[in-house]
């Protein structure tokens, strides 16, 4: 018992010496944290005005009807677009559920970061196809992509989200 008592006293003495030998310093001042990064600057049009950001949607549902017609439902908190495309067309894509897409209609004009040219619906149609008997909608991945990642669709309907 006395051996354990002596060992305990030695451990306490070593601990006290270690604490006393430590150099006392004033606490390091806390530096201000960097502010959250600001939203990236909007691209400008030819006249120097900010371009409005295209609407962003994500996939909600996809199904094939009548053999060669794919129905794609995309949306956000504002509402849902029901789109269609011909499965034989190379840009009749199935949007990835976890990906965000810009919606391009006839009024949309956007410039991706680092791009030289503007993206418009006409520009996407030049790379893909046009649905002559419907309003055309293009889905472009928000992070950009190659021409084979641009989806072209006809608009079946748009439904506003229920406001609760």
C-alpha atoms as a PDB file:
ATOM      1  CA  UNK A   1       0.000   0.000   0.000  1.00  0.00           C
ATOM      2  CA  UNK A   2       2.752   2.416   0.819  1.00  0.00           C
ATOM      3  CA  UNK A   3       4.348   1.783  -2.605  1.00  0.00           C
ATOM      4  CA  UNK A   4       1.111   2.775  -4.328  1.00  0.00           C
ATOM      5  CA  UNK A   5       0.796   5.788  -2.044  1.00  0.00           C
ATOM      6  CA  UNK A   6       4.323   6.930  -2.860  1.00  0.00           C
ATOM      7  CA  UNK A   7       3.741   6.390  -6.617  1.00  0.00           C
ATOM      8  CA  UNK A   8       0.584   8.497  -6.417  1.00  0.00           C
ATOM      9  CA  UNK A   9       2.406  11.286  -4.580  1.00  0.00           C
ATOM     10  CA  UNK A  10       5.219  11.213  -7.153  1.00  0.00           C
ATOM     11  CA  UNK A  11       2.679  11.436 -10.010  1.00  0.00           C
ATOM     12  CA  UNK A  12       1.029  14.453  -8.362  1.00  0.00           C
ATOM     13  CA  UNK A  13       4.416  16.136  -7.847  1.00  0.00           C
ATOM     14  CA  UNK A  14       5.411  15.548 -11.499  1.00  0.00           C
ATOM     15  CA  UNK A  15       2.079  16.949 -12.663  1.00  0.00           C
ATOM     16  CA  UNK A  16       2.479  20.064 -10.473  1.00  0.00           C
ATOM     17  CA  UNK A  17       6.025  20.652 -11.738  1.00  0.00           C
ATOM     18  CA  UNK A  18       4.867  20.335 -15.314  1.00  0.00           C
ATOM     19  CA  UNK A  19       2.090  22.841 -14.732  1.00  0.00           C
ATOM     20  CA  UNK A  20       4.429  25.297 -12.988  1.00  0.00           C
ATOM     21  CA  UNK A  21       7.074  25.029 -15.679  1.00  0.00           C
ATOM     22  CA  UNK A  22       4.624  25.997 -18.400  1.00  0.00           C
ATOM     23  CA  UNK A  23       5.117  29.505 -19.654  1.00  0.00           C
ATOM     24  CA  UNK A  24       2.049  31.613 -19.126  1.00  0.00           C
ATOM     25  CA  UNK A  25       0.850  33.463 -22.214  1.00  0.00           C
ATOM     26  CA  UNK A  26      -1.987  35.771 -22.818  1.00  0.00           C
ATOM     27  CA  UNK A  27      -4.615  34.161 -25.010  1.00  0.00           C
ATOM     28  CA  UNK A  28      -4.246  34.581 -28.747  1.00  0.00           C
ATOM     29  CA  UNK A  29      -6.660  37.241 -29.937  1.00  0.00           C
ATOM     30  CA  UNK A  30      -9.497  35.924 -32.037  1.00  0.00           C
ATOM     31  CA  UNK A  31      -9.270  37.300 -35.510  1.00  0.00           C
ATOM     32  CA  UNK A  32     -12.395  38.228 -37.360  1.00  0.00           C
ATOM     33  CA  UNK A  33     -13.619  35.475 -39.619  1.00  0.00           C
ATOM     34  CA  UNK A  34     -13.874  36.124 -43.295  1.00  0.00           C
ATOM     35  CA  UNK A  35     -17.350  37.132 -44.383  1.00  0.00           C
ATOM     36  CA  UNK A  36     -19.335  34.614 -46.385  1.00  0.00           C
ATOM     37  CA  UNK A  37     -18.433  34.842 -50.047  1.00  0.00           C
ATOM     38  CA  UNK A  38     -20.769  37.065 -51.993  1.00  0.00           C
ATOM     39  CA  UNK A  39     -22.897  35.645 -54.761  1.00  0.00           C
ATOM     40  CA  UNK A  40     -20.960  35.569 -57.998  1.00  0.00           C
ATOM     41  CA  UNK A  41     -21.471  38.593 -60.177  1.00  0.00           C
ATOM     42  CA  UNK A  42     -24.185  38.205 -62.781  1.00  0.00           C
ATOM     43  CA  UNK A  43     -23.010  38.136 -66.372  1.00  0.00           C
ATOM     44  CA  UNK A  44     -23.590  41.310 -68.358  1.00  0.00           C
ATOM     45  CA  UNK A  45     -25.353  41.739 -71.682  1.00  0.00           C
ATOM     46  CA  UNK A  46     -23.874  43.666 -74.627  1.00  0.00           C
ATOM     47  CA  UNK A  47     -24.935  46.962 -73.022  1.00  0.00           C
ATOM     48  CA  UNK A  48     -23.381  46.212 -69.621  1.00  0.00           C
ATOM     49  CA  UNK A  49     -26.638  45.363 -67.813  1.00  0.00           C
ATOM     50  CA  UNK A  50     -26.921  42.331 -65.525  1.00  0.00           C
ATOM     51  CA  UNK A  51     -28.587  39.358 -67.177  1.00  0.00           C
ATOM     52  CA  UNK A  52     -31.440  37.829 -65.178  1.00  0.00           C
ATOM     53  CA  UNK A  53     -30.513  34.365 -63.928  1.00  0.00           C
ATOM     54  CA  UNK A  54     -32.401  31.552 -65.679  1.00  0.00           C
ATOM     55  CA  UNK A  55     -34.885  29.571 -63.626  1.00  0.00           C
ATOM     56  CA  UNK A  56     -33.339  26.524 -61.936  1.00  0.00           C
ATOM     57  CA  UNK A  57     -35.202  23.194 -61.794  1.00  0.00           C
ATOM     58  CA  UNK A  58     -34.487  19.573 -60.954  1.00  0.00           C
ATOM     59  CA  UNK A  59     -35.963  16.292 -62.202  1.00  0.00           C
ATOM     60  CA  UNK A  60     -39.091  14.998 -60.493  1.00  0.00           C
ATOM     61  CA  UNK A  61     -40.396  12.249 -62.773  1.00  0.00           C
ATOM     62  CA  UNK A  62     -39.631  10.597 -66.112  1.00  0.00           C
ATOM     63  CA  UNK A  63     -41.608   8.016 -68.087  1.00  0.00           C
ATOM     64  CA  UNK A  64     -41.903   6.731 -71.666  1.00  0.00           C
ATOM     65  CA  UNK A  65     -45.246   6.865 -73.464  1.00  0.00           C
ATOM     66  CA  UNK A  66     -46.318   5.428 -76.820  1.00  0.00           C
ATOM     67  CA  UNK A  67     -42.916   3.930 -77.466  1.00  0.00           C
ATOM     68  CA  UNK A  68     -41.042   6.993 -78.665  1.00  0.00           C
ATOM     69  CA  UNK A  69     -42.239   9.867 -76.456  1.00  0.00           C
ATOM     70  CA  UNK A  70     -40.492  10.544 -73.166  1.00  0.00           C
ATOM     71  CA  UNK A  71     -42.307  12.692 -70.602  1.00  0.00           C
ATOM     72  CA  UNK A  72     -40.066  14.609 -68.222  1.00  0.00           C
ATOM     73  CA  UNK A  73     -41.402  16.523 -65.219  1.00  0.00           C
ATOM     74  CA  UNK A  74     -39.016  19.084 -63.735  1.00  0.00           C
ATOM     75  CA  UNK A  75     -39.730  21.749 -61.173  1.00  0.00           C
ATOM     76  CA  UNK A  76     -38.875  23.890 -58.205  1.00  0.00           C
ATOM     77  CA  UNK A  77     -40.797  25.673 -55.446  1.00  0.00           C
ATOM     78  CA  UNK A  78     -42.521  27.881 -58.065  1.00  0.00           C
ATOM     79  CA  UNK A  79     -44.072  25.050 -60.067  1.00  0.00           C
ATOM     80  CA  UNK A  80     -43.626  22.157 -62.476  1.00  0.00           C
ATOM     81  CA  UNK A  81     -42.909  21.885 -66.166  1.00  0.00           C
ATOM     82  CA  UNK A  82     -44.220  18.842 -68.010  1.00  0.00           C
ATOM     83  CA  UNK A  83     -41.979  18.384 -71.035  1.00  0.00           C
ATOM     84  CA  UNK A  84     -41.799  15.825 -73.827  1.00  0.00           C
ATOM     85  CA  UNK A  85     -39.174  14.688 -76.290  1.00  0.00           C
ATOM     86  CA  UNK A  86     -38.742  12.118 -79.030  1.00  0.00           C
ATOM     87  CA  UNK A  87     -36.648   9.249 -77.649  1.00  0.00           C
ATOM     88  CA  UNK A  88     -35.004   8.881 -81.068  1.00  0.00           C
ATOM     89  CA  UNK A  89     -33.549  12.404 -80.808  1.00  0.00           C
ATOM     90  CA  UNK A  90     -30.002  12.489 -79.462  1.00  0.00           C
ATOM     91  CA  UNK A  91     -30.812  15.272 -76.991  1.00  0.00           C
ATOM     92  CA  UNK A  92     -33.900  13.615 -75.502  1.00  0.00           C
ATOM     93  CA  UNK A  93     -32.125  13.268 -72.191  1.00  0.00           C
ATOM     94  CA  UNK A  94     -33.235  11.965 -68.826  1.00  0.00           C
ATOM     95  CA  UNK A  95     -32.293  14.665 -66.306  1.00  0.00           C
ATOM     96  CA  UNK A  96     -30.304  13.371 -63.316  1.00  0.00           C
ATOM     97  CA  UNK A  97     -32.376  13.645 -60.112  1.00  0.00           C
ATOM     98  CA  UNK A  98     -29.595  15.222 -58.039  1.00  0.00           C
ATOM     99  CA  UNK A  99     -28.591  17.783 -60.665  1.00  0.00           C
ATOM    100  CA  UNK A 100     -29.819  21.345 -61.118  1.00  0.00           C
ATOM    101  CA  UNK A 101     -30.701  22.599 -64.600  1.00  0.00           C
ATOM    102  CA  UNK A 102     -31.284  26.037 -66.079  1.00  0.00           C
ATOM    103  CA  UNK A 103     -34.534  26.377 -68.040  1.00  0.00           C
ATOM    104  CA  UNK A 104     -34.076  28.071 -71.415  1.00  0.00           C
ATOM    105  CA  UNK A 105     -37.121  29.382 -73.261  1.00  0.00           C
ATOM    106  CA  UNK A 106     -37.308  31.912 -76.073  1.00  0.00           C
ATOM    107  CA  UNK A 107     -36.585  34.788 -73.633  1.00  0.00           C
ATOM    108  CA  UNK A 108     -33.574  33.293 -71.830  1.00  0.00           C
ATOM    109  CA  UNK A 109     -30.048  34.560 -72.405  1.00  0.00           C
ATOM    110  CA  UNK A 110     -27.161  33.508 -70.164  1.00  0.00           C
ATOM    111  CA  UNK A 111     -23.384  33.346 -70.118  1.00  0.00           C
ATOM    112  CA  UNK A 112     -21.692  30.521 -68.247  1.00  0.00           C
ATOM    113  CA  UNK A 113     -18.558  31.395 -66.212  1.00  0.00           C
ATOM    114  CA  UNK A 114     -15.557  31.522 -68.529  1.00  0.00           C
ATOM    115  CA  UNK A 115     -17.660  31.284 -71.711  1.00  0.00           C
ATOM    116  CA  UNK A 116     -17.110  33.589 -74.683  1.00  0.00           C
ATOM    117  CA  UNK A 117     -20.646  33.373 -76.078  1.00  0.00           C
ATOM    118  CA  UNK A 118     -24.139  33.683 -74.672  1.00  0.00           C
ATOM    119  CA  UNK A 119     -26.434  30.669 -74.427  1.00  0.00           C
ATOM    120  CA  UNK A 120     -29.935  31.154 -75.814  1.00  0.00           C
ATOM    121  CA  UNK A 121     -32.648  28.708 -76.808  1.00  0.00           C
ATOM    122  CA  UNK A 122     -31.702  29.279 -80.454  1.00  0.00           C
ATOM    123  CA  UNK A 123     -28.073  28.466 -79.652  1.00  0.00           C
ATOM    124  CA  UNK A 124     -29.120  25.170 -78.002  1.00  0.00           C
ATOM    125  CA  UNK A 125     -31.415  24.380 -80.963  1.00  0.00           C
ATOM    126  CA  UNK A 126     -28.461  24.858 -83.308  1.00  0.00           C
ATOM    127  CA  UNK A 127     -26.749  21.998 -81.440  1.00  0.00           C
ATOM    128  CA  UNK A 128     -29.884  19.848 -81.069  1.00  0.00           C
ATOM    129  CA  UNK A 129     -33.367  19.815 -82.615  1.00  0.00           C
ATOM    130  CA  UNK A 130     -36.510  21.950 -82.716  1.00  0.00           C
ATOM    131  CA  UNK A 131     -40.056  20.825 -81.938  1.00  0.00           C
ATOM    132  CA  UNK A 132     -42.059  22.738 -84.560  1.00  0.00           C
ATOM    133  CA  UNK A 133     -45.538  22.229 -83.053  1.00  0.00           C
ATOM    134  CA  UNK A 134     -44.752  23.186 -79.446  1.00  0.00           C
ATOM    135  CA  UNK A 135     -42.983  25.794 -77.369  1.00  0.00           C
ATOM    136  CA  UNK A 136     -39.392  24.604 -77.025  1.00  0.00           C
ATOM    137  CA  UNK A 137     -37.580  24.337 -73.701  1.00  0.00           C
ATOM    138  CA  UNK A 138     -33.917  23.472 -73.188  1.00  0.00           C
ATOM    139  CA  UNK A 139     -32.444  22.130 -69.958  1.00  0.00           C
ATOM    140  CA  UNK A 140     -28.800  23.034 -69.422  1.00  0.00           C
ATOM    141  CA  UNK A 141     -26.841  21.721 -66.395  1.00  0.00           C
ATOM    142  CA  UNK A 142     -26.088  24.638 -64.066  1.00  0.00           C
ATOM    143  CA  UNK A 143     -22.445  23.570 -63.863  1.00  0.00           C
ATOM    144  CA  UNK A 144     -22.198  23.527 -67.648  1.00  0.00           C
ATOM    145  CA  UNK A 145     -21.563  20.628 -69.956  1.00  0.00           C
ATOM    146  CA  UNK A 146     -20.882  19.412 -73.455  1.00  0.00           C
ATOM    147  CA  UNK A 147     -23.479  19.732 -76.243  1.00  0.00           C
ATOM    148  CA  UNK A 148     -24.549  16.095 -75.646  1.00  0.00           C
ATOM    149  CA  UNK A 149     -25.561  17.122 -72.090  1.00  0.00           C
ATOM    150  CA  UNK A 150     -28.068  19.734 -73.306  1.00  0.00           C
ATOM    151  CA  UNK A 151     -31.640  18.464 -73.315  1.00  0.00           C
ATOM    152  CA  UNK A 152     -34.234  19.784 -75.791  1.00  0.00           C
ATOM    153  CA  UNK A 153     -37.958  19.338 -75.139  1.00  0.00           C
ATOM    154  CA  UNK A 154     -41.394  20.502 -76.127  1.00  0.00           C
ATOM    155  CA  UNK A 155     -43.529  22.082 -73.414  1.00  0.00           C
ATOM    156  CA  UNK A 156     -46.719  20.169 -72.593  1.00  0.00           C
ATOM    157  CA  UNK A 157     -47.731  22.264 -69.588  1.00  0.00           C
ATOM    158  CA  UNK A 158     -46.625  24.392 -66.687  1.00  0.00           C
ATOM    159  CA  UNK A 159     -48.378  24.250 -63.327  1.00  0.00           C
ATOM    160  CA  UNK A 160     -47.786  26.766 -60.525  1.00  0.00           C
ATOM    161  CA  UNK A 161     -47.037  25.329 -57.099  1.00  0.00           C
ATOM    162  CA  UNK A 162     -49.833  25.439 -54.540  1.00  0.00           C
ATOM    163  CA  UNK A 163     -49.224  28.305 -52.113  1.00  0.00           C
ATOM    164  CA  UNK A 164     -50.102  27.140 -48.619  1.00  0.00           C
END
